[in-house]
């Protein structure tokens, strides 16, 4: 099956630029697509210094929807938005003051890759953090999704008035230009070693402060992989039963509002969607949203907004008017608290509820 490759290099124009991210694209583009992907053939999408986060999201969404293995190469810089203090990939127009509006929220990447088959996605990242983000990374985690293999590094901000180079990604590209792609974990280790050697050979001090990213993704026997295999085989009941067991175990061990328990509730919501059961999926997402809010999470928190958005989406797919009315009331109540980024979402629910009432 053909693979898909997304090459994304982004950094701000002007004084806010920490890394010349796009400089690595010609080296990556010289690598044969099959080697970039690790598949026999591959489609390659290249984004160099994009301007708009929605444009990046569109390309990312298309890549995530493609069957077969997906490899995402990202070089760029991370910045926090001032309102929610969440990591974003800075784009060409990004400044510290407008991160929320001009940069790509990192959780968009995680969310778009969320429904891909377990173990089918690899991310190779070479990122530089600004000072605020570097401080945030002392306690925060750059979450790229637990079903994906993630390798790379996050470097601290370079010296003042210095623009860094994506040395790790350049090392990856140089290794791949040999025409052979090692397994991702080996490629990662070779790239780290080569980048360190190149830095030493150039008279620079190797950046021992880098945050190295090594997450190989699900392994054989991982419940996510087992569940994904059951879904692919059409055994939706078996998949949900396994997820339900893990949900109960996590709730018993850590509490029903714990991230572990909520993760499995979210998995079950997705499984219901795959099984073509929007009622069950909507109800599960409503539960997730209400539990998160009840635990004190803010209405604008990404996990809360995402849960309400998904409940809304699944509600729109319910064809039984009675069930739609039943779930529409709690959805409208949630939309009143969590309007989300979708303009007019509450009005849409209220209009649909009014229409459903006329159907008796």
Protein backbone atom coordinates (compact mmCIF):
# COMPACT_ATOMS: atom_id res chain seq x y z
CA UNK A 1 0.00 0.00 0.00
CA UNK A 2 1.41 3.45 -0.88
CA UNK A 3 2.60 5.60 1.96
CA UNK A 4 2.12 9.30 2.57
CA UNK A 5 4.76 11.81 3.61
CA UNK A 6 4.16 15.31 4.94
CA UNK A 7 7.17 17.63 5.00
CA UNK A 8 6.46 20.71 7.12
CA UNK A 9 9.02 23.43 7.78
CA UNK A 10 7.82 26.62 9.42
CA UNK A 11 9.26 29.58 11.30
CA UNK A 12 8.38 33.26 11.63
CA UNK A 13 9.73 35.90 9.31
CA UNK A 14 11.88 38.60 10.89
CA UNK A 15 13.36 39.04 14.34
CA UNK A 16 11.20 36.37 15.93
CA UNK A 17 12.81 33.61 13.89
CA UNK A 18 14.78 31.15 16.03
CA UNK A 19 15.55 28.54 13.37
CA UNK A 20 15.91 28.51 9.60
CA UNK A 21 13.49 25.62 9.31
CA UNK A 22 12.93 25.75 5.55
CA UNK A 23 16.65 25.33 4.86
CA UNK A 24 16.29 21.58 5.40
CA UNK A 25 13.53 21.07 2.83
CA UNK A 26 15.78 20.89 -0.26
CA UNK A 27 17.78 18.13 1.42
CA UNK A 28 14.64 16.21 2.37
CA UNK A 29 13.09 16.77 -1.05
CA UNK A 30 16.13 15.14 -2.65
CA UNK A 31 15.32 11.87 -0.87
CA UNK A 32 13.23 9.43 -2.96
CA UNK A 33 9.61 9.32 -1.73
CA UNK A 34 9.77 5.59 -1.01
CA UNK A 35 12.76 6.14 1.28
CA UNK A 36 11.07 9.04 3.07
CA UNK A 37 8.06 6.83 3.69
CA UNK A 38 9.56 3.40 4.16
CA UNK A 39 6.90 2.07 1.76
CA UNK A 40 7.30 0.84 -1.82
CA UNK A 41 5.75 4.05 -3.15
CA UNK A 42 4.62 7.26 -1.50
CA UNK A 43 2.89 10.57 -2.06
CA UNK A 44 4.82 13.55 -0.72
CA UNK A 45 3.27 16.85 0.39
CA UNK A 46 5.64 19.73 1.12
CA UNK A 47 4.79 22.86 3.11
CA UNK A 48 7.49 25.52 3.28
CA UNK A 49 6.92 28.47 5.62
CA UNK A 50 3.11 28.37 5.37
CA UNK A 51 1.18 31.50 6.29
CA UNK A 52 -2.15 30.22 7.60
CA UNK A 53 -2.81 27.54 10.24
CA UNK A 54 -6.01 26.50 8.46
CA UNK A 55 -4.04 25.77 5.29
CA UNK A 56 -1.69 23.53 7.26
CA UNK A 57 -4.67 21.85 8.92
CA UNK A 58 -6.22 21.10 5.53
CA UNK A 59 -3.05 19.38 4.30
CA UNK A 60 -2.59 17.56 7.59
CA UNK A 61 -6.19 16.34 7.53
CA UNK A 62 -5.81 15.02 3.99
CA UNK A 63 -2.58 13.23 4.89
CA UNK A 64 -4.16 11.72 8.00
CA UNK A 65 -7.10 10.41 5.96
CA UNK A 66 -4.87 8.60 3.47
CA UNK A 67 -4.59 4.83 3.88
CA UNK A 68 -1.23 3.22 4.48
CA UNK A 69 1.70 4.42 6.57
CA UNK A 70 2.10 8.14 7.23
CA UNK A 71 5.39 9.83 8.06
CA UNK A 72 5.36 13.46 9.18
CA UNK A 73 8.60 15.44 9.19
CA UNK A 74 8.37 18.75 11.09
CA UNK A 75 11.08 21.38 11.47
CA UNK A 76 10.23 24.64 13.19
CA UNK A 77 9.81 26.49 16.45
CA UNK A 78 7.41 26.22 19.36
CA UNK A 79 5.71 29.14 21.09
CA UNK A 80 2.95 29.46 23.68
CA UNK A 81 -0.20 31.47 23.20
CA UNK A 82 -0.72 34.08 25.88
CA UNK A 83 -4.29 33.13 26.75
CA UNK A 84 -4.20 29.36 27.29
CA UNK A 85 -0.44 28.80 27.47
CA UNK A 86 -0.59 25.97 24.96
CA UNK A 87 2.23 25.03 22.56
CA UNK A 88 1.89 26.08 18.93
CA UNK A 89 4.04 25.60 15.85
CA UNK A 90 4.94 29.14 14.80
CA UNK A 91 4.19 30.02 11.17
CA UNK A 92 5.46 32.80 8.94
CA UNK A 93 3.32 35.59 10.45
CA UNK A 94 3.62 34.52 14.08
CA UNK A 95 4.77 36.96 16.74
CA UNK A 96 4.60 36.53 20.53
CA UNK A 97 1.45 38.67 20.60
CA UNK A 98 -0.54 36.83 17.91
CA UNK A 99 0.37 33.16 18.46
CA UNK A 100 -3.26 32.18 19.09
CA UNK A 101 -4.33 33.47 15.68
CA UNK A 102 -1.38 32.83 13.37
CA UNK A 103 0.32 29.65 14.65
CA UNK A 104 -0.72 26.00 14.44
CA UNK A 105 -1.91 24.63 17.81
CA UNK A 106 0.09 21.49 18.48
CA UNK A 107 -3.00 19.69 19.72
CA UNK A 108 -4.46 20.03 16.21
CA UNK A 109 -1.73 17.68 15.02
CA UNK A 110 -2.55 15.19 17.77
CA UNK A 111 -6.28 15.39 17.09
CA UNK A 112 -6.00 14.94 13.33
CA UNK A 113 -3.85 11.84 13.79
CA UNK A 114 -6.05 10.44 16.56
CA UNK A 115 -8.20 8.18 14.40
CA UNK A 116 -5.42 6.69 12.34
CA UNK A 117 -4.72 2.98 12.81
CA UNK A 118 -2.52 2.25 15.78
CA UNK A 119 1.15 2.14 14.80
CA UNK A 120 0.61 3.51 11.27
CA UNK A 121 2.03 6.98 11.92
CA UNK A 122 5.57 8.18 12.58
CA UNK A 123 6.57 11.75 13.44
CA UNK A 124 10.14 12.99 13.11
CA UNK A 125 10.49 16.36 14.83
CA UNK A 126 13.23 18.97 14.96
CA UNK A 127 11.88 21.85 17.03
CA UNK A 128 13.32 24.89 18.75
CA UNK A 129 11.48 26.39 21.70
CA UNK A 130 11.41 30.03 22.63
CA UNK A 131 12.23 30.96 26.23
CA UNK A 132 8.65 30.73 27.54
CA UNK A 133 8.02 27.39 25.88
CA UNK A 134 11.32 25.99 27.11
CA UNK A 135 10.29 26.87 30.66
CA UNK A 136 6.87 25.30 30.07
CA UNK A 137 8.52 22.07 28.90
CA UNK A 138 10.05 21.61 32.34
CA UNK A 139 6.65 20.42 33.52
CA UNK A 140 4.57 20.22 30.34
CA UNK A 141 4.62 17.50 27.70
CA UNK A 142 4.40 17.98 23.95
CA UNK A 143 1.64 15.44 23.37
CA UNK A 144 1.67 14.04 19.84
CA UNK A 145 -0.71 11.14 20.47
CA UNK A 146 -0.14 7.81 22.13
CA UNK A 147 -0.81 5.76 18.98
CA UNK A 148 2.03 7.39 17.04
CA UNK A 149 5.76 6.79 17.01
CA UNK A 150 7.52 10.08 17.80
CA UNK A 151 11.24 10.73 17.44
CA UNK A 152 13.33 13.87 17.38
CA UNK A 153 14.46 16.67 19.63
CA UNK A 154 13.35 19.99 21.05
CA UNK A 155 16.23 22.45 21.37
CA UNK A 156 16.37 25.40 23.77
CA UNK A 157 16.36 28.92 22.32
CA UNK A 158 19.60 29.78 20.52
CA UNK A 159 21.88 32.58 21.62
CA UNK A 160 20.53 36.09 21.13
CA UNK A 161 20.60 37.36 17.54
CA UNK A 162 21.39 33.83 16.38
CA UNK A 163 19.26 31.80 13.98
CA UNK A 164 19.75 28.08 14.54
CA UNK A 165 19.71 25.35 11.92
CA UNK A 166 17.59 22.18 12.07
CA UNK A 167 20.64 20.01 12.62
CA UNK A 168 18.73 16.89 13.66
CA UNK A 169 16.47 16.97 10.59
CA UNK A 170 19.41 17.71 8.33
CA UNK A 171 21.12 14.62 9.75
CA UNK A 172 17.98 12.56 9.12
CA UNK A 173 17.88 13.77 5.51
CA UNK A 174 21.56 13.07 4.97
CA UNK A 175 21.18 9.51 6.24
CA UNK A 176 18.13 8.91 4.05
CA UNK A 177 19.88 10.22 0.95
CA UNK A 178 21.94 7.03 1.03
CA UNK A 179 18.81 5.35 -0.36
CA UNK A 180 18.17 3.22 2.72
CA UNK A 181 15.76 3.99 5.54
CA UNK A 182 16.64 2.25 8.79
CA UNK A 183 13.85 1.47 11.26
CA UNK A 184 12.71 4.75 12.87
CA UNK A 185 14.40 4.09 16.20
CA UNK A 186 17.73 3.36 14.49
CA UNK A 187 17.33 6.37 12.20
CA UNK A 188 16.71 8.51 15.26
CA UNK A 189 19.83 7.32 17.08
CA UNK A 190 21.97 7.71 13.96
CA UNK A 191 20.66 11.23 13.42
CA UNK A 192 21.37 12.26 17.00
CA UNK A 193 24.92 10.93 16.71
CA UNK A 194 25.52 12.57 13.35
CA UNK A 195 24.15 15.93 14.49
CA UNK A 196 26.41 15.84 17.54
CA UNK A 197 29.43 14.93 15.40
CA UNK A 198 28.66 17.69 12.89
CA UNK A 199 28.34 20.22 15.71
CA UNK A 200 31.67 19.16 17.19
CA UNK A 201 33.35 19.17 13.78
CA UNK A 202 32.12 22.68 13.12
CA UNK A 203 33.57 23.95 16.35
CA UNK A 204 30.20 24.19 18.07
CA UNK A 205 29.34 22.58 21.35
CA UNK A 206 26.81 19.77 21.01
CA UNK A 207 23.51 20.77 22.55
CA UNK A 208 23.35 18.43 25.49
CA UNK A 209 20.40 20.42 26.83
CA UNK A 210 18.15 19.24 23.99
CA UNK A 211 14.99 17.44 25.00
CA UNK A 212 15.18 14.16 23.10
CA UNK A 213 11.87 12.69 21.96
CA UNK A 214 11.71 8.91 21.85
CA UNK A 215 8.26 7.34 21.83
CA UNK A 216 8.16 4.17 19.72
CA UNK A 217 4.36 3.96 19.79
CA UNK A 218 2.25 0.88 20.50
CA UNK A 219 4.03 -2.46 20.72
CA UNK A 220 2.70 -5.93 20.09
CA UNK A 221 0.17 -6.77 22.77
CA UNK A 222 -0.60 -3.12 23.48
CA UNK A 223 -4.38 -2.95 24.02
CA UNK A 224 -4.69 -0.10 21.52
CA UNK A 225 -3.11 -2.27 18.83
CA UNK A 226 -5.35 -5.21 19.74
CA UNK A 227 -8.42 -2.97 19.62
CA UNK A 228 -7.38 -1.49 16.27
CA UNK A 229 -6.96 -4.99 14.84
CA UNK A 230 -10.43 -5.96 16.06
CA UNK A 231 -11.96 -2.87 14.43
CA UNK A 232 -10.20 -3.56 11.15
CA UNK A 233 -11.57 -7.11 11.26
CA UNK A 234 -15.10 -5.79 11.85
CA UNK A 235 -15.27 -7.16 15.41
CA UNK A 236 -16.65 -3.95 16.90
CA UNK A 237 -18.26 -5.65 19.89
CA UNK A 238 -14.98 -7.30 20.88
CA UNK A 239 -13.14 -3.99 20.52
CA UNK A 240 -15.62 -2.16 22.74
CA UNK A 241 -15.62 -4.92 25.35
CA UNK A 242 -11.83 -4.76 25.65
CA UNK A 243 -11.88 -0.96 25.91
CA UNK A 244 -14.65 -1.16 28.52
CA UNK A 245 -12.53 -3.48 30.67
CA UNK A 246 -9.65 -1.02 30.57
CA UNK A 247 -12.03 1.85 31.31
CA UNK A 248 -13.37 0.09 34.42
CA UNK A 249 -9.88 -0.83 35.59
CA UNK A 250 -8.63 2.74 35.18
CA UNK A 251 -11.67 4.19 36.95
CA UNK A 252 -11.18 1.76 39.84
CA UNK A 253 -7.46 2.47 40.11
CA UNK A 254 -7.36 6.22 39.51
CA UNK A 255 -10.94 7.49 39.66
CA UNK A 256 -13.55 8.08 36.93
CA UNK A 257 -12.30 11.64 36.31
CA UNK A 258 -8.67 10.58 35.86
CA UNK A 259 -6.98 11.01 32.49
CA UNK A 260 -6.49 7.25 32.29
CA UNK A 261 -10.19 6.53 32.70
CA UNK A 262 -11.28 9.38 30.42
CA UNK A 263 -8.88 8.18 27.75
CA UNK A 264 -10.69 4.85 27.59
CA UNK A 265 -14.08 6.58 27.56
CA UNK A 266 -12.83 8.56 24.57
CA UNK A 267 -11.62 5.37 22.91
CA UNK A 268 -15.08 3.85 23.37
CA UNK A 269 -16.65 6.97 21.86
CA UNK A 270 -14.47 6.55 18.79
CA UNK A 271 -15.23 2.83 18.63
CA UNK A 272 -18.95 3.60 18.63
CA UNK A 273 -18.38 5.97 15.72
CA UNK A 274 -16.47 3.27 13.81
CA UNK A 275 -19.33 0.86 14.51
CA UNK A 276 -21.85 3.32 13.05
CA UNK A 277 -23.55 4.03 16.38
CA UNK A 278 -23.74 7.85 16.70
CA UNK A 279 -26.09 7.65 19.69
CA UNK A 280 -23.59 5.76 21.80
CA UNK A 281 -20.71 7.89 20.52
CA UNK A 282 -22.53 11.15 21.27
CA UNK A 283 -23.48 9.98 24.75
CA UNK A 284 -19.89 8.98 25.51
CA UNK A 285 -18.51 12.34 24.37
CA UNK A 286 -21.11 14.15 26.47
CA UNK A 287 -19.96 12.10 29.46
CA UNK A 288 -16.33 13.01 28.79
CA UNK A 289 -17.13 16.72 28.54
CA UNK A 290 -19.30 16.78 31.65
CA UNK A 291 -16.72 14.81 33.64
CA UNK A 292 -13.90 17.14 32.63
CA UNK A 293 -15.93 20.21 33.52
CA UNK A 294 -16.99 18.62 36.79
CA UNK A 295 -13.33 18.00 37.60
CA UNK A 296 -12.63 21.72 37.27
CA UNK A 297 -11.26 21.89 33.74
CA UNK A 298 -11.91 25.20 32.00
CA UNK A 299 -14.60 25.39 29.29
CA UNK A 300 -11.96 26.60 26.82
CA UNK A 301 -9.56 23.73 27.57
CA UNK A 302 -8.77 21.88 24.33
CA UNK A 303 -9.88 18.50 25.71
CA UNK A 304 -13.22 19.95 26.82
CA UNK A 305 -13.84 21.78 23.54
CA UNK A 306 -12.89 18.69 21.55
CA UNK A 307 -15.30 16.48 23.52
CA UNK A 308 -18.22 18.87 23.01
CA UNK A 309 -17.38 19.33 19.32
CA UNK A 310 -17.33 15.56 18.79
CA UNK A 311 -20.57 15.09 20.70
CA UNK A 312 -22.11 17.77 18.49
CA UNK A 313 -20.82 16.10 15.33
CA UNK A 314 -22.14 12.68 16.32
CA UNK A 315 -25.48 14.17 17.39
CA UNK A 316 -25.88 15.54 13.88
CA UNK A 317 -25.62 11.98 12.53
CA UNK A 318 -28.46 10.58 14.66
CA UNK A 319 -31.47 9.74 12.50
CA UNK A 320 -33.85 8.68 15.28
CA UNK A 321 -35.75 11.85 16.26
CA UNK A 322 -36.50 10.62 19.77
CA UNK A 323 -32.86 9.84 20.54
CA UNK A 324 -31.78 13.13 18.98
CA UNK A 325 -34.21 15.04 21.22
CA UNK A 326 -33.02 13.09 24.25
CA UNK A 327 -29.36 13.94 23.67
CA UNK A 328 -29.97 17.39 22.24
CA UNK A 329 -31.00 18.88 25.58
CA UNK A 330 -27.74 18.07 27.43
CA UNK A 331 -25.77 19.04 24.33
CA UNK A 332 -27.46 22.45 24.26
CA UNK A 333 -26.69 22.91 27.95
CA UNK A 334 -23.04 22.06 27.31
CA UNK A 335 -22.88 24.36 24.29
CA UNK A 336 -24.06 27.18 26.52
CA UNK A 337 -20.96 26.63 28.65
CA UNK A 338 -18.56 25.52 25.92
CA UNK A 339 -19.30 27.46 22.71
CA UNK A 340 -16.00 26.33 21.17
CA UNK A 341 -14.41 27.87 18.12
CA UNK A 342 -17.27 26.95 15.79
CA UNK A 343 -19.31 30.12 15.41
CA UNK A 344 -23.04 29.64 15.90
CA UNK A 345 -22.73 26.14 17.37
CA UNK A 346 -25.26 26.78 20.16
CA UNK A 347 -27.72 28.36 17.71
CA UNK A 348 -27.40 25.29 15.51
CA UNK A 349 -28.31 22.93 18.36
CA UNK A 350 -31.26 25.07 19.40
CA UNK A 351 -32.60 25.30 15.84
CA UNK A 352 -32.31 21.56 15.35
CA UNK A 353 -34.02 20.89 18.68
CA UNK A 354 -36.90 23.16 17.68
CA UNK A 355 -37.23 21.31 14.40
CA UNK A 356 -37.19 17.95 16.18
CA UNK A 357 -39.94 19.08 18.55
CA UNK A 358 -42.24 19.69 15.59
CA UNK A 359 -41.73 16.09 14.49
CA UNK A 360 -43.53 14.91 17.59
